[in-house]
PDB file of N, CA and C in Angstrom:
ATOM      1  N   MET A   1       9.658 -14.517   0.850  1.00  0.00           N
ATOM      2  CA  MET A   1       9.096 -13.466   0.027  1.00  0.00           C
ATOM      3  C   MET A   1       7.956 -12.781   0.780  1.00  0.00           C
ATOM      4  N   THR A   2       7.750 -11.539   0.440  1.00  0.00           N
ATOM      5  CA  THR A   2       6.643 -10.765   0.984  1.00  0.00           C
ATOM      6  C   THR A   2       6.107  -9.872  -0.136  1.00  0.00           C
ATOM      7  N   TYR A   3       4.945  -9.341   0.057  1.00  0.00           N
ATOM      8  CA  TYR A   3       4.396  -8.352  -0.864  1.00  0.00           C
ATOM      9  C   TYR A   3       4.528  -6.984  -0.227  1.00  0.00           C
ATOM     10  N   ILE A   4       4.688  -5.974  -1.060  1.00  0.00           N
ATOM     11  CA  ILE A   4       4.831  -4.609  -0.572  1.00  0.00           C
ATOM     12  C   ILE A   4       4.041  -3.674  -1.487  1.00  0.00           C
ATOM     13  N   VAL A   5       3.763  -2.480  -0.981  1.00  0.00           N
ATOM     14  CA  VAL A   5       3.049  -1.458  -1.746  1.00  0.00           C
ATOM     15  C   VAL A   5       4.078  -0.471  -2.280  1.00  0.00           C
ATOM     16  N   THR A   6       3.928  -0.108  -3.551  1.00  0.00           N
ATOM     17  CA  THR A   6       4.832   0.849  -4.183  1.00  0.00           C
ATOM     18  C   THR A   6       4.139   2.197  -4.348  1.00  0.00           C
ATOM     19  N   ASP A   7       4.851   3.126  -4.971  1.00  0.00           N
ATOM     20  CA  ASP A   7       4.360   4.504  -5.068  1.00  0.00           C
ATOM     21  C   ASP A   7       3.114   4.684  -5.921  1.00  0.00           C
ATOM     22  N   ASN A   8       2.725   3.700  -6.701  1.00  0.00           N
ATOM     23  CA  ASN A   8       1.516   3.905  -7.498  1.00  0.00           C
ATOM     24  C   ASN A   8       0.261   3.959  -6.623  1.00  0.00           C
ATOM     25  N   CYS A   9       0.360   3.551  -5.377  1.00  0.00           N
ATOM     26  CA  CYS A   9      -0.784   3.656  -4.456  1.00  0.00           C
ATOM     27  C   CYS A   9      -1.018   5.106  -4.006  1.00  0.00           C
ATOM     28  N   ILE A  10       0.040   5.901  -4.020  1.00  0.00           N
ATOM     29  CA  ILE A  10      -0.064   7.287  -3.545  1.00  0.00           C
ATOM     30  C   ILE A  10      -1.084   8.052  -4.385  1.00  0.00           C
ATOM     31  N   LEU A  11      -1.983   8.724  -3.735  1.00  0.00           N
ATOM     32  CA  LEU A  11      -3.096   9.499  -4.295  1.00  0.00           C
ATOM     33  C   LEU A  11      -4.182   8.637  -4.925  1.00  0.00           C
ATOM     34  N   CYS A  12      -4.017   7.323  -4.897  1.00  0.00           N
ATOM     35  CA  CYS A  12      -5.077   6.425  -5.356  1.00  0.00           C
ATOM     36  C   CYS A  12      -5.731   5.784  -4.133  1.00  0.00           C
ATOM     37  N   LYS A  13      -4.930   5.056  -3.369  1.00  0.00           N
ATOM     38  CA  LYS A  13      -5.349   4.401  -2.135  1.00  0.00           C
ATOM     39  C   LYS A  13      -6.644   3.602  -2.309  1.00  0.00           C
ATOM     40  N   TYR A  14      -6.611   2.729  -3.318  1.00  0.00           N
ATOM     41  CA  TYR A  14      -7.699   1.762  -3.436  1.00  0.00           C
ATOM     42  C   TYR A  14      -7.539   0.784  -2.274  1.00  0.00           C
ATOM     43  N   THR A  15      -8.611   0.406  -1.641  1.00  0.00           N
ATOM     44  CA  THR A  15      -8.505  -0.448  -0.459  1.00  0.00           C
ATOM     45  C   THR A  15      -9.153  -1.823  -0.654  1.00  0.00           C
ATOM     46  N   ASP A  16      -9.357  -2.207  -1.886  1.00  0.00           N
ATOM     47  CA  ASP A  16      -9.917  -3.528  -2.170  1.00  0.00           C
ATOM     48  C   ASP A  16      -9.048  -4.624  -1.550  1.00  0.00           C
ATOM     49  N   CYS A  17      -7.753  -4.375  -1.518  1.00  0.00           N
ATOM     50  CA  CYS A  17      -6.773  -5.343  -1.029  1.00  0.00           C
ATOM     51  C   CYS A  17      -6.917  -5.653   0.457  1.00  0.00           C
ATOM     52  N   VAL A  18      -7.314  -4.687   1.249  1.00  0.00           N
ATOM     53  CA  VAL A  18      -7.312  -4.893   2.699  1.00  0.00           C
ATOM     54  C   VAL A  18      -8.369  -5.903   3.147  1.00  0.00           C
ATOM     55  N   GLU A  19      -9.458  -5.980   2.418  1.00  0.00           N
ATOM     56  CA  GLU A  19     -10.532  -6.895   2.816  1.00  0.00           C
ATOM     57  C   GLU A  19     -10.186  -8.361   2.558  1.00  0.00           C
ATOM     58  N   VAL A  20      -9.290  -8.627   1.639  1.00  0.00           N
ATOM     59  CA  VAL A  20      -8.942 -10.017   1.342  1.00  0.00           C
ATOM     60  C   VAL A  20      -7.735 -10.508   2.139  1.00  0.00           C
ATOM     61  N   CYS A  21      -7.051  -9.618   2.821  1.00  0.00           N
ATOM     62  CA  CYS A  21      -5.841  -9.992   3.578  1.00  0.00           C
ATOM     63  C   CYS A  21      -6.215 -10.833   4.799  1.00  0.00           C
ATOM     64  N   PRO A  22      -5.736 -12.075   4.879  1.00  0.00           N
ATOM     65  CA  PRO A  22      -6.099 -12.935   6.008  1.00  0.00           C
ATOM     66  C   PRO A  22      -5.368 -12.610   7.316  1.00  0.00           C
ATOM     67  N   VAL A  23      -4.321 -11.773   7.245  1.00  0.00           N
ATOM     68  CA  VAL A  23      -3.550 -11.481   8.463  1.00  0.00           C
ATOM     69  C   VAL A  23      -3.567 -10.002   8.849  1.00  0.00           C
ATOM     70  N   ASP A  24      -4.360  -9.192   8.159  1.00  0.00           N
ATOM     71  CA  ASP A  24      -4.508  -7.771   8.493  1.00  0.00           C
ATOM     72  C   ASP A  24      -3.157  -7.056   8.598  1.00  0.00           C
ATOM     73  N   CYS A  25      -2.371  -7.145   7.533  1.00  0.00           N
ATOM     74  CA  CYS A  25      -1.031  -6.540   7.559  1.00  0.00           C
ATOM     75  C   CYS A  25      -0.955  -5.236   6.767  1.00  0.00           C
ATOM     76  N   PHE A  26      -2.103  -4.634   6.420  1.00  0.00           N
ATOM     77  CA  PHE A  26      -2.128  -3.342   5.739  1.00  0.00           C
ATOM     78  C   PHE A  26      -2.251  -2.212   6.754  1.00  0.00           C
ATOM     79  N   TYR A  27      -1.553  -1.128   6.475  1.00  0.00           N
ATOM     80  CA  TYR A  27      -1.566   0.048   7.345  1.00  0.00           C
ATOM     81  C   TYR A  27      -1.859   1.264   6.486  1.00  0.00           C
ATOM     82  N   GLU A  28      -2.596   2.221   7.072  1.00  0.00           N
ATOM     83  CA  GLU A  28      -3.115   3.339   6.297  1.00  0.00           C
ATOM     84  C   GLU A  28      -2.437   4.662   6.621  1.00  0.00           C
ATOM     85  N   GLY A  29      -1.899   5.272   5.573  1.00  0.00           N
ATOM     86  CA  GLY A  29      -1.416   6.639   5.658  1.00  0.00           C
ATOM     87  C   GLY A  29      -2.463   7.587   5.110  1.00  0.00           C
ATOM     88  N   GLU A  30      -2.173   8.861   5.169  1.00  0.00           N
ATOM     89  CA  GLU A  30      -3.113   9.871   4.690  1.00  0.00           C
ATOM     90  C   GLU A  30      -3.465   9.663   3.219  1.00  0.00           C
ATOM     91  N   ASN A  31      -2.468   9.312   2.378  1.00  0.00           N
ATOM     92  CA  ASN A  31      -2.774   9.177   0.957  1.00  0.00           C
ATOM     93  C   ASN A  31      -2.197   7.920   0.312  1.00  0.00           C
ATOM     94  N   THR A  32      -1.889   6.913   1.122  1.00  0.00           N
ATOM     95  CA  THR A  32      -1.395   5.645   0.585  1.00  0.00           C
ATOM     96  C   THR A  32      -1.543   4.548   1.632  1.00  0.00           C
ATOM     97  N   LEU A  33      -1.265   3.332   1.227  1.00  0.00           N
ATOM     98  CA  LEU A  33      -1.249   2.180   2.117  1.00  0.00           C
ATOM     99  C   LEU A  33       0.141   1.573   2.106  1.00  0.00           C
ATOM    100  N   VAL A  34       0.452   0.778   3.120  1.00  0.00           N
ATOM    101  CA  VAL A  34       1.658  -0.040   3.133  1.00  0.00           C
ATOM    102  C   VAL A  34       1.308  -1.405   3.704  1.00  0.00           C
ATOM    103  N   ILE A  35       2.172  -2.368   3.437  1.00  0.00           N
ATOM    104  CA  ILE A  35       2.058  -3.717   3.988  1.00  0.00           C
ATOM    105  C   ILE A  35       3.233  -3.915   4.927  1.00  0.00           C
ATOM    106  N   HIS A  36       2.971  -4.437   6.111  1.00  0.00           N
ATOM    107  CA  HIS A  36       4.091  -4.727   7.012  1.00  0.00           C
ATOM    108  C   HIS A  36       4.780  -5.995   6.500  1.00  0.00           C
ATOM    109  N   PRO A  37       6.031  -5.866   6.030  1.00  0.00           N
ATOM    110  CA  PRO A  37       6.695  -7.024   5.426  1.00  0.00           C
ATOM    111  C   PRO A  37       6.961  -8.168   6.403  1.00  0.00           C
ATOM    112  N   ASP A  38       6.998  -7.890   7.685  1.00  0.00           N
ATOM    113  CA  ASP A  38       7.213  -8.948   8.664  1.00  0.00           C
ATOM    114  C   ASP A  38       5.920  -9.658   9.046  1.00  0.00           C
ATOM    115  N   GLU A  39       4.784  -9.105   8.655  1.00  0.00           N
ATOM    116  CA  GLU A  39       3.489  -9.712   8.955  1.00  0.00           C
ATOM    117  C   GLU A  39       2.876 -10.418   7.749  1.00  0.00           C
ATOM    118  N   CYS A  40       3.272 -10.010   6.557  1.00  0.00           N
ATOM    119  CA  CYS A  40       2.753 -10.606   5.324  1.00  0.00           C
ATOM    120  C   CYS A  40       3.140 -12.080   5.274  1.00  0.00           C
ATOM    121  N   ILE A  41       2.179 -12.941   4.921  1.00  0.00           N
ATOM    122  CA  ILE A  41       2.443 -14.379   4.869  1.00  0.00           C
ATOM    123  C   ILE A  41       2.628 -14.867   3.426  1.00  0.00           C
ATOM    124  N   ASP A  42       2.788 -13.961   2.489  1.00  0.00           N
ATOM    125  CA  ASP A  42       3.072 -14.313   1.103  1.00  0.00           C
ATOM    126  C   ASP A  42       1.954 -15.122   0.449  1.00  0.00           C
ATOM    127  N   CYS A  43       0.721 -14.838   0.821  1.00  0.00           N
ATOM    128  CA  CYS A  43      -0.386 -15.581   0.211  1.00  0.00           C
ATOM    129  C   CYS A  43      -0.717 -15.055  -1.178  1.00  0.00           C
ATOM    130  N   GLY A  44      -0.443 -13.772  -1.420  1.00  0.00           N
ATOM    131  CA  GLY A  44      -0.630 -13.200  -2.743  1.00  0.00           C
ATOM    132  C   GLY A  44      -2.049 -12.820  -3.116  1.00  0.00           C
ATOM    133  N   VAL A  45      -3.012 -12.959  -2.217  1.00  0.00           N
ATOM    134  CA  VAL A  45      -4.393 -12.658  -2.588  1.00  0.00           C
ATOM    135  C   VAL A  45      -4.638 -11.163  -2.796  1.00  0.00           C
ATOM    136  N   CYS A  46      -3.802 -10.321  -2.209  1.00  0.00           N
ATOM    137  CA  CYS A  46      -3.991  -8.878  -2.335  1.00  0.00           C
ATOM    138  C   CYS A  46      -3.559  -8.338  -3.702  1.00  0.00           C
ATOM    139  N   GLU A  47      -2.536  -8.914  -4.284  1.00  0.00           N
ATOM    140  CA  GLU A  47      -1.952  -8.363  -5.513  1.00  0.00           C
ATOM    141  C   GLU A  47      -2.971  -8.203  -6.649  1.00  0.00           C
ATOM    142  N   PRO A  48      -3.760  -9.222  -6.980  1.00  0.00           N
ATOM    143  CA  PRO A  48      -4.716  -9.037  -8.082  1.00  0.00           C
ATOM    144  C   PRO A  48      -5.889  -8.117  -7.741  1.00  0.00           C
ATOM    145  N   GLU A  49      -6.086  -7.808  -6.464  1.00  0.00           N
ATOM    146  CA  GLU A  49      -7.187  -6.933  -6.052  1.00  0.00           C
ATOM    147  C   GLU A  49      -6.877  -5.455  -6.263  1.00  0.00           C
ATOM    148  N   CYS A  50      -5.628  -5.111  -6.484  1.00  0.00           N
ATOM    149  CA  CYS A  50      -5.227  -3.706  -6.601  1.00  0.00           C
ATOM    150  C   CYS A  50      -5.411  -3.206  -8.026  1.00  0.00           C
ATOM    151  N   PRO A  51      -6.374  -2.298  -8.265  1.00  0.00           N
ATOM    152  CA  PRO A  51      -6.594  -1.779  -9.613  1.00  0.00           C
ATOM    153  C   PRO A  51      -5.429  -0.920 -10.120  1.00  0.00           C
ATOM    154  N   ALA A  52      -4.602  -0.422  -9.206  1.00  0.00           N
ATOM    155  CA  ALA A  52      -3.483   0.439  -9.601  1.00  0.00           C
ATOM    156  C   ALA A  52      -2.185  -0.341  -9.799  1.00  0.00           C
ATOM    157  N   ASP A  53      -2.220  -1.649  -9.615  1.00  0.00           N
ATOM    158  CA  ASP A  53      -1.020  -2.485  -9.749  1.00  0.00           C
ATOM    159  C   ASP A  53       0.113  -1.967  -8.862  1.00  0.00           C
ATOM    160  N   ALA A  54      -0.235  -1.564  -7.655  1.00  0.00           N
ATOM    161  CA  ALA A  54       0.748  -0.994  -6.726  1.00  0.00           C
ATOM    162  C   ALA A  54       1.332  -2.031  -5.772  1.00  0.00           C
ATOM    163  N   ILE A  55       0.772  -3.221  -5.733  1.00  0.00           N
ATOM    164  CA  ILE A  55       1.270  -4.268  -4.842  1.00  0.00           C
ATOM    165  C   ILE A  55       2.163  -5.198  -5.643  1.00  0.00           C
ATOM    166  N   ARG A  56       3.399  -5.337  -5.181  1.00  0.00           N
ATOM    167  CA  ARG A  56       4.399  -6.112  -5.910  1.00  0.00           C
ATOM    168  C   ARG A  56       5.115  -7.075  -4.962  1.00  0.00           C
ATOM    169  N   PRO A  57       5.620  -8.194  -5.475  1.00  0.00           N
ATOM    170  CA  PRO A  57       6.440  -9.066  -4.645  1.00  0.00           C
ATOM    171  C   PRO A  57       7.815  -8.435  -4.433  1.00  0.00           C
ATOM    172  N   ASP A  58       8.385  -8.673  -3.285  1.00  0.00           N
ATOM    173  CA  ASP A  58       9.687  -8.068  -2.994  1.00  0.00           C
ATOM    174  C   ASP A  58      10.829  -8.691  -3.784  1.00  0.00           C
ATOM    175  N   THR A  59      10.549  -9.741  -4.535  1.00  0.00           N
ATOM    176  CA  THR A  59      11.577 -10.394  -5.346  1.00  0.00           C
ATOM    177  C   THR A  59      11.830  -9.685  -6.673  1.00  0.00           C
ATOM    178  N   GLU A  60      11.002  -8.725  -7.017  1.00  0.00           N
ATOM    179  CA  GLU A  60      11.228  -7.965  -8.246  1.00  0.00           C
ATOM    180  C   GLU A  60      12.444  -7.051  -8.069  1.00  0.00           C
ATOM    181  N   PRO A  61      13.091  -6.674  -9.169  1.00  0.00           N
ATOM    182  CA  PRO A  61      14.273  -5.803  -9.074  1.00  0.00           C
ATOM    183  C   PRO A  61      13.967  -4.469  -8.390  1.00  0.00           C
ATOM    184  N   GLN A  62      14.911  -4.005  -7.607  1.00  0.00           N
ATOM    185  CA  GLN A  62      14.899  -2.690  -6.954  1.00  0.00           C
ATOM    186  C   GLN A  62      13.739  -2.498  -5.977  1.00  0.00           C
ATOM    187  N   MET A  63      13.337  -3.558  -5.313  1.00  0.00           N
ATOM    188  CA  MET A  63      12.251  -3.467  -4.340  1.00  0.00           C
ATOM    189  C   MET A  63      12.755  -3.269  -2.911  1.00  0.00           C
ATOM    190  N   GLU A  64      14.068  -3.329  -2.693  1.00  0.00           N
ATOM    191  CA  GLU A  64      14.604  -3.208  -1.336  1.00  0.00           C
ATOM    192  C   GLU A  64      14.152  -1.914  -0.659  1.00  0.00           C
ATOM    193  N   LYS A  65      14.185  -0.799  -1.401  1.00  0.00           N
ATOM    194  CA  LYS A  65      13.786   0.481  -0.797  1.00  0.00           C
ATOM    195  C   LYS A  65      12.310   0.466  -0.416  1.00  0.00           C
ATOM    196  N   TRP A  66      11.494  -0.252  -1.181  1.00  0.00           N
ATOM    197  CA  TRP A  66      10.060  -0.314  -0.883  1.00  0.00           C
ATOM    198  C   TRP A  66       9.775  -1.205   0.312  1.00  0.00           C
ATOM    199  N   VAL A  67      10.589  -2.244   0.503  1.00  0.00           N
ATOM    200  CA  VAL A  67      10.434  -3.082   1.695  1.00  0.00           C
ATOM    201  C   VAL A  67      10.670  -2.226   2.937  1.00  0.00           C
ATOM    202  N   GLU A  68      11.734  -1.451   2.928  1.00  0.00           N
ATOM    203  CA  GLU A  68      12.046  -0.598   4.086  1.00  0.00           C
ATOM    204  C   GLU A  68      11.009   0.511   4.260  1.00  0.00           C
ATOM    205  N   PHE A  69      10.552   1.090   3.161  1.00  0.00           N
ATOM    206  CA  PHE A  69       9.497   2.107   3.206  1.00  0.00           C
ATOM    207  C   PHE A  69       8.244   1.531   3.859  1.00  0.00           C
ATOM    208  N   ASN A  70       7.814   0.348   3.409  1.00  0.00           N
ATOM    209  CA  ASN A  70       6.625  -0.289   3.972  1.00  0.00           C
ATOM    210  C   ASN A  70       6.812  -0.610   5.446  1.00  0.00           C
ATOM    211  N   ARG A  71       7.974  -1.129   5.813  1.00  0.00           N
ATOM    212  CA  ARG A  71       8.239  -1.467   7.217  1.00  0.00           C
ATOM    213  C   ARG A  71       8.179  -0.215   8.095  1.00  0.00           C
ATOM    214  N   LYS A  72       8.831   0.846   7.638  1.00  0.00           N
ATOM    215  CA  LYS A  72       8.879   2.089   8.424  1.00  0.00           C
ATOM    216  C   LYS A  72       7.476   2.622   8.722  1.00  0.00           C
ATOM    217  N   TYR A  73       6.658   2.746   7.678  1.00  0.00           N
ATOM    218  CA  TYR A  73       5.352   3.365   7.878  1.00  0.00           C
ATOM    219  C   TYR A  73       4.327   2.402   8.487  1.00  0.00           C
ATOM    220  N   ALA A  74       4.492   1.102   8.312  1.00  0.00           N
ATOM    221  CA  ALA A  74       3.609   0.149   8.976  1.00  0.00           C
ATOM    222  C   ALA A  74       3.779   0.232  10.494  1.00  0.00           C
ATOM    223  N   ASP A  75       4.984   0.572  10.921  1.00  0.00           N
ATOM    224  CA  ASP A  75       5.225   0.732  12.360  1.00  0.00           C
ATOM    225  C   ASP A  75       4.651   2.037  12.915  1.00  0.00           C
ATOM    226  N   LEU A  76       4.309   2.980  12.030  1.00  0.00           N
ATOM    227  CA  LEU A  76       3.824   4.295  12.465  1.00  0.00           C
ATOM    228  C   LEU A  76       2.324   4.508  12.248  1.00  0.00           C
ATOM    229  N   TRP A  77       1.751   3.813  11.294  1.00  0.00           N
ATOM    230  CA  TRP A  77       0.368   4.068  10.897  1.00  0.00           C
ATOM    231  C   TRP A  77      -0.590   3.027  11.472  1.00  0.00           C
ATOM    232  N   PRO A  78      -1.899   3.360  11.515  1.00  0.00           N
ATOM    233  CA  PRO A  78      -2.887   2.407  12.031  1.00  0.00           C
ATOM    234  C   PRO A  78      -3.229   1.318  11.014  1.00  0.00           C
ATOM    235  N   VAL A  79      -3.596   0.156  11.528  1.00  0.00           N
ATOM    236  CA  VAL A  79      -4.016  -0.948  10.677  1.00  0.00           C
ATOM    237  C   VAL A  79      -5.339  -0.596   9.998  1.00  0.00           C
ATOM    238  N   ILE A  80      -5.520  -1.121   8.797  1.00  0.00           N
ATOM    239  CA  ILE A  80      -6.783  -0.961   8.078  1.00  0.00           C
ATOM    240  C   ILE A  80      -7.224  -2.334   7.589  1.00  0.00           C
ATOM    241  N   THR A  81      -8.478  -2.675   7.876  1.00  0.00           N
ATOM    242  CA  THR A  81      -8.992  -3.989   7.488  1.00  0.00           C
ATOM    243  C   THR A  81     -10.290  -3.904   6.695  1.00  0.00           C
ATOM    244  N   LYS A  82     -10.833  -2.705   6.592  1.00  0.00           N
ATOM    245  CA  LYS A  82     -12.108  -2.530   5.895  1.00  0.00           C
ATOM    246  C   LYS A  82     -11.936  -1.628   4.683  1.00  0.00           C
ATOM    247  N   ARG A  83     -12.633  -1.977   3.633  1.00  0.00           N
ATOM    248  CA  ARG A  83     -12.572  -1.212   2.393  1.00  0.00           C
ATOM    249  C   ARG A  83     -13.165   0.180   2.591  1.00  0.00           C
ATOM    250  N   LYS A  84     -12.516   1.167   1.984  1.00  0.00           N
ATOM    251  CA  LYS A  84     -12.993   2.551   1.968  1.00  0.00           C
ATOM    252  C   LYS A  84     -12.997   3.027   0.523  1.00  0.00           C
ATOM    253  N   ASP A  85     -13.626   4.146   0.277  1.00  0.00           N
ATOM    254  CA  ASP A  85     -13.593   4.727  -1.063  1.00  0.00           C
ATOM    255  C   ASP A  85     -12.170   5.166  -1.395  1.00  0.00           C
ATOM    256  N   PRO A  86     -11.792   5.074  -2.683  1.00  0.00           N
ATOM    257  CA  PRO A  86     -10.464   5.553  -3.066  1.00  0.00           C
ATOM    258  C   PRO A  86     -10.372   7.071  -2.935  1.00  0.00           C
ATOM    259  N   MET A  87      -9.186   7.570  -3.080  1.00  0.00           N
ATOM    260  CA  MET A  87      -8.958   9.014  -3.006  1.00  0.00           C
ATOM    261  C   MET A  87      -9.677   9.700  -4.183  1.00  0.00           C
ATOM    262  N   PRO A  88     -10.100  10.955  -3.987  1.00  0.00           N
ATOM    263  CA  PRO A  88     -10.697  11.689  -5.110  1.00  0.00           C
ATOM    264  C   PRO A  88      -9.673  11.763  -6.257  1.00  0.00           C
ATOM    265  N   TYR A  89     -10.124  11.608  -7.450  1.00  0.00           N
ATOM    266  CA  TYR A  89      -9.271  11.678  -8.647  1.00  0.00           C
ATOM    267  C   TYR A  89      -8.247  10.540  -8.712  1.00  0.00           C
ATOM    268  N   ALA A  90      -8.543   9.426  -8.045  1.00  0.00           N
ATOM    269  CA  ALA A  90      -7.617   8.286  -8.051  1.00  0.00           C
ATOM    270  C   ALA A  90      -7.319   7.824  -9.474  1.00  0.00           C
ATOM    271  N   GLU A  91      -8.333   7.737 -10.289  1.00  0.00           N
ATOM    272  CA  GLU A  91      -8.128   7.277 -11.662  1.00  0.00           C
ATOM    273  C   GLU A  91      -7.190   8.198 -12.428  1.00  0.00           C
ATOM    274  N   ALA A  92      -7.275   9.487 -12.184  1.00  0.00           N
ATOM    275  CA  ALA A  92      -6.415  10.446 -12.881  1.00  0.00           C
ATOM    276  C   ALA A  92      -4.954  10.306 -12.464  1.00  0.00           C
ATOM    277  N   HIS A  93      -4.710   9.853 -11.242  1.00  0.00           N
ATOM    278  CA  HIS A  93      -3.340   9.722 -10.739  1.00  0.00           C
ATOM    279  C   HIS A  93      -2.758   8.322 -10.929  1.00  0.00           C
ATOM    280  N   ASP A  94      -3.592   7.371 -11.327  1.00  0.00           N
ATOM    281  CA  ASP A  94      -3.126   6.002 -11.519  1.00  0.00           C
ATOM    282  C   ASP A  94      -2.060   5.977 -12.620  1.00  0.00           C
ATOM    283  N   GLY A  95      -0.894   5.431 -12.294  1.00  0.00           N
ATOM    284  CA  GLY A  95       0.184   5.322 -13.273  1.00  0.00           C
ATOM    285  C   GLY A  95       1.076   6.546 -13.380  1.00  0.00           C
ATOM    286  N   GLU A  96       0.744   7.606 -12.672  1.00  0.00           N
ATOM    287  CA  GLU A  96       1.560   8.823 -12.690  1.00  0.00           C
ATOM    288  C   GLU A  96       2.940   8.527 -12.103  1.00  0.00           C
ATOM    289  N   THR A  97       3.972   9.094 -12.658  1.00  0.00           N
ATOM    290  CA  THR A  97       5.322   8.863 -12.153  1.00  0.00           C
ATOM    291  C   THR A  97       5.727   9.949 -11.164  1.00  0.00           C
ATOM    292  N   GLY A  98       6.708   9.627 -10.328  1.00  0.00           N
ATOM    293  CA  GLY A  98       7.251  10.591  -9.376  1.00  0.00           C
ATOM    294  C   GLY A  98       6.342  10.920  -8.218  1.00  0.00           C
ATOM    295  N   LYS A  99       5.378  10.068  -7.918  1.00  0.00           N
ATOM    296  CA  LYS A  99       4.414  10.381  -6.859  1.00  0.00           C
ATOM    297  C   LYS A  99       5.050  10.399  -5.469  1.00  0.00           C
ATOM    298  N   LEU A 100       6.065   9.589  -5.240  1.00  0.00           N
ATOM    299  CA  LEU A 100       6.698   9.582  -3.924  1.00  0.00           C
ATOM    300  C   LEU A 100       7.309  10.947  -3.625  1.00  0.00           C
ATOM    301  N   GLU A 101       8.040  11.486  -4.563  1.00  0.00           N
ATOM    302  CA  GLU A 101       8.705  12.774  -4.369  1.00  0.00           C
ATOM    303  C   GLU A 101       7.725  13.952  -4.382  1.00  0.00           C
ATOM    304  N   LYS A 102       6.699  13.862  -5.187  1.00  0.00           N
ATOM    305  CA  LYS A 102       5.775  14.997  -5.355  1.00  0.00           C
ATOM    306  C   LYS A 102       4.612  15.021  -4.367  1.00  0.00           C
ATOM    307  N   PHE A 103       4.108  13.842  -3.981  1.00  0.00           N
ATOM    308  CA  PHE A 103       2.821  13.827  -3.284  1.00  0.00           C
ATOM    309  C   PHE A 103       2.762  13.050  -1.974  1.00  0.00           C
ATOM    310  N   PHE A 104       3.747  12.246  -1.650  1.00  0.00           N
ATOM    311  CA  PHE A 104       3.663  11.399  -0.460  1.00  0.00           C
ATOM    312  C   PHE A 104       3.498  12.213   0.813  1.00  0.00           C
ATOM    313  N   SER A 105       2.566  11.775   1.659  1.00  0.00           N
ATOM    314  CA  SER A 105       2.376  12.369   2.982  1.00  0.00           C
ATOM    315  C   SER A 105       2.720  11.329   4.043  1.00  0.00           C
ATOM    316  N   PRO A 106       3.587  11.676   4.997  1.00  0.00           N
ATOM    317  CA  PRO A 106       3.917  10.739   6.065  1.00  0.00           C
ATOM    318  C   PRO A 106       2.858  10.702   7.178  1.00  0.00           C
ATOM    319  N   LYS A 107       1.827  11.510   7.059  1.00  0.00           N
ATOM    320  CA  LYS A 107       0.785  11.544   8.095  1.00  0.00           C
ATOM    321  C   LYS A 107      -0.020  10.235   8.085  1.00  0.00           C
ATOM    322  N   PRO A 108      -0.428   9.772   9.255  1.00  0.00           N
ATOM    323  CA  PRO A 108      -1.232   8.558   9.312  1.00  0.00           C
ATOM    324  C   PRO A 108      -2.647   8.781   8.787  1.00  0.00           C
ATOM    325  N   GLY A 109      -3.256   7.703   8.340  1.00  0.00           N
ATOM    326  CA  GLY A 109      -4.670   7.734   7.998  1.00  0.00           C
ATOM    327  C   GLY A 109      -5.485   7.471   9.250  1.00  0.00           C
ATOM    328  N   SER A 110      -6.763   7.258   9.079  1.00  0.00           N
ATOM    329  CA  SER A 110      -7.643   7.051  10.235  1.00  0.00           C
ATOM    330  C   SER A 110      -7.746   5.593  10.652  1.00  0.00           C
ATOM    331  N   GLY A 111      -7.285   4.669   9.788  1.00  0.00           N
ATOM    332  CA  GLY A 111      -7.444   3.246  10.115  1.00  0.00           C
ATOM    333  C   GLY A 111      -8.895   2.852  10.057  1.00  0.00           C
ATOM    334  N   ASP A 112      -9.225   1.758  10.751  1.00  0.00           N
ATOM    335  CA  ASP A 112     -10.624   1.281  10.719  1.00  0.00           C
ATOM    336  C   ASP A 112     -11.559   2.192  11.470  1.00  0.00           C
TER     337      ASP A 112
END
């Protein structure tokens, strides 16, 4: 099992999770985060740290596409290990549906 980031992180990008990760497997895009599924050690400490409930175990139904999404962008984006401020208006976008299709940016973030 591994943990992955889903679309609820898009436009929120809370980074509380990255500071608790013991293996530094989070990667930063312009408006979201991903977890490298091959680096995650399944410790689960990141999941309760996410205020947007965007981190899920890959064993939940229909997570296959998110595993591949996380793997793809983790290979392209810089690692992030330090907490940063969330995106402006993160609270307003928390729980919004269709964020992948409407708002996702494939551009990398700045990393640490």
